[in-house]
Protein backbone atom coordinates (compact mmCIF):
# COMPACT_ATOMS: atom_id res chain seq x y z
CA MET A 1 137.37 23.80 209.94
CA ILE A 2 136.34 20.13 209.80
CA GLY A 3 132.57 19.60 209.70
CA PRO A 4 130.66 16.84 211.52
CA MET A 5 130.37 14.65 208.42
CA ASN A 6 134.09 14.95 207.72
CA MET A 7 134.84 13.99 211.32
CA GLU A 8 132.67 10.90 210.98
CA TRP A 9 134.42 9.95 207.74
CA LEU A 10 137.82 10.44 209.37
CA LEU A 11 136.74 8.19 212.24
CA ILE A 12 135.64 5.43 209.83
CA ILE A 13 138.86 5.73 207.80
CA ALA A 14 141.03 5.69 210.95
CA ILE A 15 139.29 2.57 212.27
CA GLY A 16 139.65 0.95 208.85
CA ILE A 17 143.40 1.59 208.85
CA VAL A 18 143.73 0.24 212.39
CA GLY A 19 141.76 -2.82 211.29
CA LEU A 20 144.15 -3.50 208.42
CA LEU A 21 147.15 -3.15 210.74
CA VAL A 22 145.60 -5.53 213.27
CA GLN A 23 144.84 -8.07 210.53
CA PHE A 24 148.41 -7.80 209.24
CA LYS A 25 149.83 -8.29 212.74
CA LEU A 26 147.47 -11.21 213.43
CA LYS A 27 148.55 -13.04 210.27
CA ALA A 28 152.21 -12.40 211.09
CA VAL A 29 151.83 -13.70 214.66
CA PHE A 30 149.95 -16.82 213.60
CA LYS A 31 152.47 -17.51 210.83
CA LYS A 32 155.34 -17.12 213.30
CA TYR A 33 153.86 -19.42 215.92
CA SER A 34 152.64 -21.95 213.36
CA GLN A 35 156.32 -22.79 213.00
CA VAL A 36 156.81 -23.29 216.74
CA MET A 37 156.16 -26.91 217.67
CA PHE A 38 155.51 -27.96 221.24
CA PRO A 39 157.04 -31.12 222.79
CA GLY A 40 153.70 -32.84 223.41
CA GLY A 41 153.22 -33.33 219.68
CA LEU A 42 149.45 -32.94 219.87
CA THR A 43 147.71 -31.77 216.71
CA GLY A 44 144.93 -29.19 216.72
CA LYS A 45 142.46 -32.08 216.51
CA ASP A 46 144.07 -33.78 219.53
CA VAL A 47 144.03 -30.57 221.57
CA ALA A 48 140.37 -29.95 220.76
CA GLU A 49 139.28 -33.47 221.62
CA ARG A 50 141.22 -33.46 224.88
CA MET A 51 139.82 -30.09 225.97
CA LEU A 52 136.28 -31.20 225.20
CA ARG A 53 136.78 -34.42 227.14
CA ASP A 54 138.32 -32.63 230.13
CA ASN A 55 135.26 -30.36 230.23
CA GLY A 56 132.88 -33.31 230.20
CA ILE A 57 131.66 -32.63 226.64
CA HIS A 58 131.15 -35.85 224.67
CA ASP A 59 128.54 -34.85 222.08
CA VAL A 60 130.69 -32.41 220.05
CA GLN A 61 132.62 -33.63 217.00
CA VAL A 62 135.93 -32.16 215.83
CA ILE A 63 136.12 -31.98 212.04
CA SER A 64 138.35 -30.44 209.36
CA THR A 65 137.06 -27.58 207.22
CA PRO A 66 138.60 -26.11 204.02
CA GLY A 67 140.31 -22.73 203.94
CA HIS A 68 142.66 -20.68 206.10
CA LEU A 69 141.54 -19.12 209.41
CA THR A 70 138.07 -20.57 208.78
CA ASP A 71 137.97 -22.17 212.23
CA HIS A 72 134.64 -21.92 214.06
CA TYR A 73 132.27 -23.69 216.40
CA ASN A 74 128.79 -24.47 215.05
CA PRO A 75 126.27 -24.75 217.91
CA ALA A 76 123.55 -26.01 215.54
CA THR A 77 125.53 -29.11 214.52
CA LYS A 78 127.70 -29.25 217.65
CA THR A 79 130.91 -29.38 215.65
CA VAL A 80 134.29 -27.75 216.20
CA ASN A 81 135.41 -26.94 212.66
CA LEU A 82 139.17 -26.56 212.33
CA SER A 83 140.87 -25.31 209.17
CA GLU A 84 143.24 -27.74 207.47
CA SER A 85 146.30 -25.82 208.72
CA VAL A 86 145.09 -26.19 212.31
CA TYR A 87 143.47 -29.63 212.30
CA GLY A 88 146.64 -31.61 211.57
CA SER A 89 149.29 -29.21 212.89
CA ASN A 90 151.09 -29.58 216.22
CA SER A 91 152.12 -25.93 216.44
CA VAL A 92 151.46 -23.38 219.17
CA SER A 93 149.11 -21.50 216.83
CA ALA A 94 147.11 -24.65 216.13
CA ALA A 95 146.77 -25.41 219.84
CA ALA A 96 145.62 -21.85 220.57
CA VAL A 97 143.02 -21.83 217.78
CA ALA A 98 141.70 -25.30 218.59
CA ALA A 99 141.36 -24.46 222.28
CA HIS A 100 139.64 -21.16 221.48
CA GLU A 101 137.00 -22.86 219.34
CA CYS A 102 136.47 -25.45 222.06
CA GLY A 103 136.01 -22.49 224.40
CA HIS A 104 132.85 -21.75 222.41
CA ALA A 105 131.73 -25.36 222.79
CA VAL A 106 132.19 -25.04 226.56
CA GLN A 107 130.19 -21.81 226.50
CA HIS A 108 127.41 -23.62 224.68
CA ALA A 109 127.42 -26.51 227.15
CA ARG A 110 127.40 -24.10 230.11
CA GLU A 111 124.67 -21.94 228.50
CA TYR A 112 126.84 -18.81 228.53
CA ALA A 113 124.36 -15.93 228.23
CA PRO A 114 126.18 -13.72 225.67
CA LEU A 115 126.59 -16.73 223.35
CA LYS A 116 122.88 -17.50 223.62
CA MET A 117 122.09 -13.85 222.82
CA ARG A 118 124.42 -13.84 219.82
CA SER A 119 123.01 -17.11 218.48
CA ALA A 120 119.46 -15.75 218.79
CA LEU A 121 120.45 -12.66 216.78
CA VAL A 122 122.12 -14.56 213.91
CA PRO A 123 119.02 -14.93 211.65
CA MET A 124 118.02 -11.27 212.07
CA VAL A 125 121.58 -10.00 211.62
CA SER A 126 122.04 -12.14 208.52
CA PHE A 127 118.93 -10.56 207.00
CA ALA A 128 119.95 -7.05 208.10
CA SER A 129 123.48 -7.39 206.71
CA GLN A 130 122.12 -8.48 203.33
CA TRP A 131 119.47 -5.79 202.94
CA SER A 132 120.51 -2.79 205.08
CA ILE A 133 122.52 -1.06 202.34
CA TRP A 134 119.58 -1.30 199.92
CA VAL A 135 117.15 0.05 202.51
CA ILE A 136 119.59 2.88 203.26
CA LEU A 137 119.91 3.76 199.55
CA ALA A 138 116.14 3.71 199.13
CA GLY A 139 115.85 5.85 202.25
CA ILE A 140 118.29 8.42 200.85
CA LEU A 141 116.29 8.66 197.62
CA THR A 142 113.03 9.17 199.53
CA ILE A 143 114.40 10.98 202.57
CA HIS A 144 112.16 14.04 202.03
CA THR A 145 109.02 12.06 201.17
CA PHE A 146 109.39 8.95 203.32
CA PRO A 147 112.07 9.64 205.99
CA ALA A 148 110.98 6.66 208.10
CA LEU A 149 112.53 4.28 205.56
CA PHE A 150 115.98 5.73 206.17
CA TRP A 151 115.54 5.16 209.90
CA VAL A 152 114.53 1.56 209.21
CA GLY A 153 117.89 1.12 207.46
CA ILE A 154 119.65 2.72 210.41
CA GLY A 155 117.84 0.29 212.70
CA MET A 156 119.19 -2.60 210.64
CA ILE A 157 122.71 -1.22 210.92
CA ALA A 158 122.19 -0.76 214.66
CA LEU A 159 121.28 -4.44 214.91
CA SER A 160 124.56 -5.39 213.24
CA ALA A 161 126.43 -3.07 215.61
CA LEU A 162 124.71 -4.69 218.59
CA PHE A 163 125.76 -8.10 217.28
CA SER A 164 129.38 -6.94 217.05
CA ILE A 165 129.27 -5.63 220.62
CA ILE A 166 127.77 -8.85 221.99
CA THR A 167 130.44 -10.79 220.09
CA LEU A 168 133.20 -9.16 222.16
CA PRO A 169 132.54 -10.92 225.50
CA VAL A 170 131.86 -14.16 223.61
CA GLU A 171 135.27 -14.11 221.91
CA TYR A 172 137.26 -12.80 224.88
CA ASN A 173 135.66 -15.35 227.19
CA ALA A 174 136.39 -18.21 224.76
CA SER A 175 140.05 -17.17 224.70
CA ALA A 176 140.13 -16.96 228.50
CA ARG A 177 138.66 -20.48 228.75
CA ALA A 178 141.22 -21.68 226.19
CA MET A 179 144.19 -20.27 228.09
CA GLU A 180 142.86 -21.53 231.42
CA TRP A 181 142.70 -25.06 230.04
CA LEU A 182 145.95 -24.91 228.05
CA THR A 183 147.93 -23.85 231.12
CA GLY A 184 145.92 -25.79 233.71
CA SER A 185 146.29 -29.05 231.75
CA TYR A 186 149.99 -28.32 231.10
CA THR A 187 149.35 -28.67 227.37
CA LEU A 188 151.40 -25.49 226.94
CA ARG A 189 153.92 -24.14 229.44
CA GLY A 190 156.14 -21.14 229.91
CA GLU A 191 157.12 -19.37 226.71
CA GLN A 192 154.76 -21.44 224.57
CA ALA A 193 151.80 -20.50 226.77
CA ALA A 194 152.80 -16.84 226.43
CA GLN A 195 152.97 -17.24 222.65
CA ALA A 196 149.50 -18.78 222.53
CA LYS A 197 148.16 -15.95 224.67
CA GLU A 198 149.69 -13.37 222.33
CA ALA A 199 148.12 -15.05 219.29
CA LEU A 200 144.68 -15.15 220.91
CA SER A 201 145.01 -11.53 222.05
CA TRP A 202 145.61 -10.34 218.50
CA ALA A 203 142.71 -12.44 217.24
CA ALA A 204 140.44 -10.84 219.85
CA ARG A 205 141.50 -7.36 218.74
CA THR A 206 140.04 -8.00 215.29
CA TYR A 207 136.61 -8.32 216.93
CA LEU A 208 137.18 -5.12 218.87
CA VAL A 209 138.03 -3.24 215.66
CA ALA A 210 134.95 -4.73 213.96
CA ALA A 211 132.75 -3.50 216.81
CA LEU A 212 134.26 0.00 216.66
CA SER A 213 133.79 0.06 212.89
CA ALA A 214 130.13 -0.95 213.22
CA ILE A 215 129.54 1.77 215.83
CA ALA A 216 131.29 4.39 213.68
CA THR A 217 129.16 3.43 210.67
CA LEU A 218 126.02 3.72 212.77
CA ILE A 219 127.07 7.18 214.02
CA TYR A 220 127.74 8.25 210.42
CA TYR A 221 124.25 7.35 209.18
CA ILE A 222 122.55 8.80 212.26
CA GLY A 223 124.44 12.03 211.52
CA ILE A 224 123.10 12.08 207.95
CA ALA A 225 119.53 11.48 209.17
CA ARG A 226 119.72 14.24 211.76
CA ARG A 227 121.14 16.75 209.27
CA ASP A 228 118.39 16.00 206.78
């Protein structure tokens, strides 16, 4: 018979395996569609600048950033940071990624509530992610003399889980804004639009797996605390 702790471990392992499969599929999809060029010939930089302009955003800069799949929007500096493989590429993948990151810029300009919540949590989550494991370890060592410390660690993990959950609507909404603009502006049409949607869908699933993993980890540590 499988005990509660074993069930929790199985859940974490299962989510981890699913996460690896999703990452593998995401890389395969992006690699496939990075070789599909669209007739317009726009690079990722061009797509980003056009989407920003069409949304009335003129104070956000599009810049190149080193690395692969390092694309992100920085609300503090108001920059859309596109990886080198996206910035200068005129592929379907580049268009999808560039539009997605601009989706975050549009969220920022429109004061999208989940993005504001996530941004407010960043400093606390950064601290919690760095120190939670050490607080948890200290809590385990003193669980019979100072049990509150273990619960402090659990609270830090809960904060990270909350951040992952709030991230879901932020990422899905950015993709929805990207696809709405890509199709509405006729930047991508027909099969190419479907390919961009597939790429963004797989990217979004990585955030879903991350949220499930964070929740499973939280359940695991709560289980330990309740048993002790």
